[in-house]
């Protein structure tokens, strides 16, 4: 993934503002936190993922399949020597010697919560207000940041769906707390 000046983005809409930057996403249901990521020095994303509170650019955040599919779509718009393809639930990355000097491949399987650990092939960075973004990217990011709020923030026409997608994806990312079984409930 290359320059931040990439043109079209699937989350782009007409330039408009949606208000002040929302607080950082903190949908924290475990030792990991839900955050927004972008490959370093690109205009791709934001991608909502789960990472440890202390992470580095080559960590492998966890992403849902829907977000992993967006990453693959954006990756294929680039000509960096790295590609990805789905084989059922498996996600395979292939790269040429031009990409890293040796070439290779890696196949990812989802964890028990159907999340994919994607990282190590390029550096990730936090998505923040310093990153040039479209109104659509900003609406999606705001939805992620506000996922835990009881009421959604009203959005201008054309941005409400992206905001709702961000909220939903952030909530889908972290596994729900364990539920009690009927046996456990009866024993209580």
Protein backbone atom coordinates (compact mmCIF):
# COMPACT_ATOMS: atom_id res chain seq x y z
CA UNK A 1 0.00 0.00 0.00
CA UNK A 2 1.48 3.28 -1.06
CA UNK A 3 0.83 7.00 -1.04
CA UNK A 4 -1.70 8.88 1.03
CA UNK A 5 -2.67 10.80 -2.08
CA UNK A 6 -4.60 7.87 -3.52
CA UNK A 7 -7.67 8.98 -5.43
CA UNK A 8 -11.03 7.23 -5.10
CA UNK A 9 -11.88 5.56 -1.84
CA UNK A 10 -14.89 3.32 -1.19
CA UNK A 11 -15.87 5.50 1.74
CA UNK A 12 -15.61 8.78 -0.11
CA UNK A 13 -18.52 11.16 -0.51
CA UNK A 14 -18.85 14.77 -1.48
CA UNK A 15 -16.65 16.99 0.68
CA UNK A 16 -18.61 18.14 3.68
CA UNK A 17 -17.95 18.49 7.35
CA UNK A 18 -19.61 16.45 10.04
CA UNK A 19 -18.61 18.45 13.08
CA UNK A 20 -15.71 18.22 15.51
CA UNK A 21 -13.52 15.14 15.72
CA UNK A 22 -15.12 12.55 18.03
CA UNK A 23 -13.22 11.02 20.92
CA UNK A 24 -10.89 8.07 20.22
CA UNK A 25 -12.68 4.74 19.88
CA UNK A 26 -12.79 3.07 23.28
CA UNK A 27 -15.14 0.14 22.83
CA UNK A 28 -12.98 -1.86 25.28
CA UNK A 29 -14.52 -5.21 26.28
CA UNK A 30 -11.25 -6.99 27.06
CA UNK A 31 -7.51 -6.37 27.39
CA UNK A 32 -7.62 -5.34 23.74
CA UNK A 33 -9.20 -2.11 22.58
CA UNK A 34 -11.07 -1.22 19.42
CA UNK A 35 -9.06 1.27 17.40
CA UNK A 36 -8.91 2.75 13.91
CA UNK A 37 -5.94 1.84 11.73
CA UNK A 38 -4.51 2.79 8.35
CA UNK A 39 -1.42 1.44 6.61
CA UNK A 40 1.32 3.99 7.22
CA UNK A 41 1.50 6.81 4.66
CA UNK A 42 -1.65 5.82 2.76
CA UNK A 43 -5.15 7.19 2.25
CA UNK A 44 -6.69 3.75 2.82
CA UNK A 45 -9.06 2.99 5.67
CA UNK A 46 -9.94 3.67 8.30
CA UNK A 47 -10.08 0.03 9.33
CA UNK A 48 -11.56 -0.78 12.72
CA UNK A 49 -9.48 -3.40 14.49
CA UNK A 50 -8.67 -4.69 17.93
CA UNK A 51 -5.14 -4.41 19.30
CA UNK A 52 -3.43 -4.50 22.69
CA UNK A 53 -3.24 -1.16 24.48
CA UNK A 54 0.52 -1.18 23.80
CA UNK A 55 1.21 -2.02 20.18
CA UNK A 56 3.80 -1.26 17.52
CA UNK A 57 3.40 -0.60 13.77
CA UNK A 58 4.00 -4.26 12.88
CA UNK A 59 1.48 -5.74 15.30
CA UNK A 60 -1.34 -7.79 13.76
CA UNK A 61 -4.62 -6.17 14.80
CA UNK A 62 -7.71 -8.37 14.72
CA UNK A 63 -10.27 -7.50 12.03
CA UNK A 64 -13.71 -8.90 11.18
CA UNK A 65 -14.15 -10.54 7.79
CA UNK A 66 -15.99 -7.45 6.50
CA UNK A 67 -13.05 -5.21 7.39
CA UNK A 68 -10.55 -7.78 6.07
CA UNK A 69 -12.46 -7.71 2.75
CA UNK A 70 -12.10 -3.90 2.64
CA UNK A 71 -8.36 -4.25 3.30
CA UNK A 72 -8.06 -6.74 0.42
CA UNK A 73 -10.03 -4.44 -1.93
CA UNK A 74 -7.75 -1.51 -1.10
CA UNK A 75 -4.64 -3.69 -1.39
CA UNK A 76 -5.65 -4.67 -4.94
CA UNK A 77 -5.89 -1.01 -5.95
CA UNK A 78 -2.17 -0.74 -5.28
CA UNK A 79 0.71 -2.18 -7.31
CA UNK A 80 3.10 -2.86 -4.46
CA UNK A 81 3.76 -6.56 -5.13
CA UNK A 82 1.45 -7.76 -2.35
CA UNK A 83 -1.89 -9.40 -3.13
CA UNK A 84 -4.52 -11.32 -1.18
CA UNK A 85 -7.25 -13.82 -2.03
CA UNK A 86 -10.01 -15.65 -0.18
CA UNK A 87 -10.41 -19.42 -0.16
CA UNK A 88 -13.55 -19.99 1.89
CA UNK A 89 -12.74 -18.62 5.34
CA UNK A 90 -8.98 -18.60 4.67
CA UNK A 91 -7.21 -15.40 3.62
CA UNK A 92 -3.94 -15.85 1.73
CA UNK A 93 -1.41 -13.07 1.19
CA UNK A 94 1.22 -13.48 -1.55
CA UNK A 95 4.09 -11.13 -2.24
CA UNK A 96 6.80 -10.89 -4.83
CA UNK A 97 10.54 -10.46 -4.36
CA UNK A 98 10.00 -6.85 -5.48
CA UNK A 99 7.93 -6.36 -2.33
CA UNK A 100 10.40 -7.60 0.29
CA UNK A 101 13.46 -9.01 -1.48
CA UNK A 102 12.48 -12.69 -1.10
CA UNK A 103 8.77 -13.11 -1.88
CA UNK A 104 6.46 -15.46 -0.04
CA UNK A 105 2.98 -16.19 1.17
CA UNK A 106 0.99 -16.41 4.38
CA UNK A 107 -2.42 -17.96 4.98
CA UNK A 108 -4.58 -16.58 7.77
CA UNK A 109 -7.32 -18.48 9.52
CA UNK A 110 -9.95 -16.73 11.62
CA UNK A 111 -9.86 -17.05 15.40
CA UNK A 112 -12.75 -18.48 17.42
CA UNK A 113 -14.57 -15.12 17.09
CA UNK A 114 -14.11 -15.08 13.26
CA UNK A 115 -11.47 -12.32 13.38
CA UNK A 116 -8.33 -12.17 11.24
CA UNK A 117 -4.91 -11.09 12.60
CA UNK A 118 -3.55 -8.99 9.74
CA UNK A 119 -0.14 -7.43 10.15
CA UNK A 120 3.59 -7.72 9.68
CA UNK A 121 3.57 -7.04 5.92
CA UNK A 122 3.31 -3.23 6.24
CA UNK A 123 3.39 -0.82 9.18
CA UNK A 124 0.05 0.22 10.69
CA UNK A 125 -0.57 3.62 12.21
CA UNK A 126 -3.42 5.13 14.20
CA UNK A 127 -6.12 6.81 12.16
CA UNK A 128 -6.47 10.34 13.54
CA UNK A 129 -7.55 13.85 12.65
CA UNK A 130 -4.13 14.65 11.16
CA UNK A 131 -4.77 12.20 8.32
CA UNK A 132 -6.44 13.81 5.28
CA UNK A 133 -9.84 12.19 4.98
CA UNK A 134 -13.04 12.34 3.02
CA UNK A 135 -16.34 13.15 4.68
CA UNK A 136 -17.25 9.47 4.30
CA UNK A 137 -14.09 8.31 6.07
CA UNK A 138 -14.72 10.83 8.85
CA UNK A 139 -18.33 9.64 9.28
CA UNK A 140 -17.23 5.99 9.46
CA UNK A 141 -14.51 6.86 12.00
CA UNK A 142 -16.99 8.83 14.09
CA UNK A 143 -19.38 5.87 14.07
CA UNK A 144 -16.59 3.63 15.39
CA UNK A 145 -15.69 6.15 18.10
CA UNK A 146 -19.31 6.49 19.17
CA UNK A 147 -20.19 2.78 19.03
CA UNK A 148 -20.83 2.61 22.76
CA UNK A 149 -23.18 5.59 22.89
CA UNK A 150 -26.88 4.82 23.42
CA UNK A 151 -28.05 7.21 20.68
CA UNK A 152 -26.34 7.75 17.31
CA UNK A 153 -25.23 11.23 16.33
CA UNK A 154 -27.38 12.67 13.51
CA UNK A 155 -25.41 12.72 10.25
CA UNK A 156 -25.91 14.75 7.06
CA UNK A 157 -27.48 13.08 4.03
CA UNK A 158 -25.23 10.51 2.45
CA UNK A 159 -23.14 9.95 5.59
CA UNK A 160 -25.60 8.26 7.95
CA UNK A 161 -25.04 4.80 6.42
CA UNK A 162 -21.24 5.06 6.76
CA UNK A 163 -21.62 6.26 10.35
CA UNK A 164 -23.95 3.32 11.11
CA UNK A 165 -21.51 0.91 9.41
CA UNK A 166 -18.69 2.17 11.65
CA UNK A 167 -20.80 1.76 14.80
CA UNK A 168 -21.90 -1.73 13.82
CA UNK A 169 -18.41 -2.92 12.85
CA UNK A 170 -16.89 -1.68 16.12
CA UNK A 171 -19.55 -3.52 18.11
CA UNK A 172 -19.12 -6.68 16.02
CA UNK A 173 -15.36 -6.69 16.49
CA UNK A 174 -15.17 -7.36 20.22
CA UNK A 175 -16.74 -10.61 21.36
CA UNK A 176 -19.79 -10.24 23.56
CA UNK A 177 -19.44 -11.18 27.22
CA UNK A 178 -19.98 -14.88 27.94
CA UNK A 179 -23.60 -15.82 28.49
CA UNK A 180 -24.76 -18.05 31.30
CA UNK A 181 -26.12 -21.41 30.30
CA UNK A 182 -29.47 -22.70 31.59
CA UNK A 183 -27.53 -25.08 33.87
CA UNK A 184 -25.52 -22.20 35.33
CA UNK A 185 -28.65 -20.07 35.74
CA UNK A 186 -30.49 -22.90 37.50
CA UNK A 187 -27.57 -23.48 39.88
CA UNK A 188 -27.56 -19.80 40.89
